[in-house]
Structure formats: C-alpha cells, structure tokens
Amino acid sequence: MLRINCPYCGVRDHEEFSYFGDASKTYPPLDAEHHDAWVEAVYMRNNPKGEHTEFWQHTLACRRWLVVKRNTVTHDILSVMPARERPQA
C-alpha cells in the first residue's frame, strides 16, 4: 500500500490524496503565441521509470499541495515537501 507522509497531517494512505502530474515540468508563458507549447506541456507526458517528482494534493484532509519524489517502479516514497517550498528551476 502506498503511504504518503504529509508534512502537515502525518502518514496517510494514498487514497486521501489526488495525483496532479509532473512537478519537474516547466510551463510556457500564458499568451496565444505559445499555444503549441501549451498543448505539448499539458497533453504530452513521459512515462518515467525510476525516480520521479510529482504534484499531489491532500484532498481529504488539509488540502495542501505537496511535491512527492517517488520511485515509479517500487512505489517507494523518497521525499515529500510542501509545494511552496520546492526549488524553482
């Protein structure tokens, strides 16, 4: 079973959380000129094998956004941090 250690609520079952995608992706500026780049960013996804950084929201408790580093092969949780504290690229 996948268990996530929420920095605000403690260790909880993954069913309390919602997955929201790749936290390592950089998004283009918000203007019409970058439409194709937005299509690429939103709809084209990698399926990484191994360590991956993801956005999760603790939807059934504190509702905080988290960045979870997880191994997609073993499902081991390597780290969890509040999204607002993640380093910007």
Protein backbone atom coordinates (compact mmCIF):
# COMPACT_ATOMS: atom_id res chain seq x y z
CA MET A 1 0.00 0.00 0.00
CA LEU A 2 1.27 3.48 -0.87
CA ARG A 3 1.57 5.71 2.22
CA ILE A 4 2.46 9.41 1.99
CA ASN A 5 3.92 11.32 4.95
CA CYS A 6 2.08 14.64 4.76
CA PRO A 7 4.22 17.35 6.43
CA TYR A 8 1.02 18.76 7.99
CA CYS A 9 -1.01 15.65 8.90
CA GLY A 10 1.47 12.78 9.18
CA VAL A 11 1.50 9.42 7.42
CA ARG A 12 -1.71 8.75 5.50
CA ASP A 13 -2.99 6.28 2.91
CA HIS A 14 -2.63 7.44 -0.72
CA GLU A 15 -6.43 7.34 -1.12
CA GLU A 16 -6.58 10.64 0.82
CA PHE A 17 -4.50 12.30 -1.91
CA SER A 18 -5.04 13.22 -5.55
CA TYR A 19 -2.26 12.99 -8.11
CA PHE A 20 -1.85 16.09 -10.29
CA GLY A 21 1.11 15.35 -12.55
CA ASP A 22 4.74 16.02 -13.21
CA ALA A 23 6.32 18.54 -10.81
CA SER A 24 9.52 18.80 -12.83
CA LYS A 25 7.87 20.25 -15.96
CA THR A 26 8.31 23.91 -16.90
CA TYR A 27 5.28 25.62 -18.43
CA PRO A 28 5.38 28.28 -21.16
CA PRO A 29 4.12 31.87 -20.80
CA LEU A 30 0.34 32.44 -20.86
CA ASP A 31 -0.27 34.02 -24.26
CA ALA A 32 -1.68 32.99 -27.63
CA GLU A 33 1.78 32.92 -29.18
CA HIS A 34 2.67 29.83 -27.08
CA HIS A 35 -0.42 27.73 -27.87
CA ASP A 36 1.55 24.80 -29.35
CA ALA A 37 3.92 24.80 -26.38
CA TRP A 38 0.92 24.58 -24.02
CA VAL A 39 -0.54 21.66 -25.96
CA GLU A 40 2.83 19.94 -25.62
CA ALA A 41 3.12 20.74 -21.89
CA VAL A 42 -0.41 19.67 -20.96
CA TYR A 43 -1.09 16.67 -23.19
CA MET A 44 2.27 15.10 -23.97
CA ARG A 45 3.52 13.14 -20.99
CA ASN A 46 6.55 10.99 -20.30
CA ASN A 47 6.16 7.69 -18.50
CA PRO A 48 9.34 7.71 -16.42
CA LYS A 49 10.82 4.57 -14.92
CA GLY A 50 12.51 5.17 -11.59
CA GLU A 51 12.66 8.38 -9.53
CA HIS A 52 10.05 10.96 -10.48
CA THR A 53 8.86 14.22 -8.88
CA GLU A 54 5.06 14.65 -8.77
CA PHE A 55 2.40 17.08 -7.56
CA TRP A 56 -0.11 15.61 -5.10
CA GLN A 57 -2.87 17.34 -3.12
CA HIS A 58 -4.05 16.08 0.27
CA THR A 59 -7.65 16.41 -0.84
CA LEU A 60 -9.34 14.55 2.04
CA ALA A 61 -7.58 16.35 4.88
CA CYS A 62 -5.51 19.57 4.93
CA ARG A 63 -5.93 20.19 1.15
CA ARG A 64 -2.29 21.30 0.91
CA TRP A 65 -0.26 20.85 -2.28
CA LEU A 66 2.79 18.61 -1.98
CA VAL A 67 5.75 17.63 -4.11
CA VAL A 68 6.39 13.91 -3.78
CA LYS A 69 9.53 12.22 -5.08
CA ARG A 70 8.57 8.63 -5.79
CA ASN A 71 10.12 5.61 -7.46
CA THR A 72 7.63 4.60 -10.16
CA VAL A 73 8.94 1.02 -10.22
CA THR A 74 8.89 0.20 -6.50
CA HIS A 75 6.42 2.94 -5.43
CA ASP A 76 8.76 3.86 -2.59
CA ILE A 77 8.24 7.44 -1.41
CA LEU A 78 11.68 9.08 -1.33
CA SER A 79 10.68 12.55 -0.10
CA VAL A 80 7.67 14.80 0.49
CA MET A 81 7.72 18.59 0.77
CA PRO A 82 5.17 21.41 0.68
CA ALA A 83 4.86 22.59 -2.94
CA ARG A 84 5.55 26.18 -1.92
CA GLU A 85 8.99 25.12 -0.64
CA ARG A 86 10.15 23.35 -3.81
CA PRO A 87 13.20 24.80 -5.54
CA GLN A 88 12.32 26.70 -8.71
CA ALA A 89 14.19 25.71 -11.89
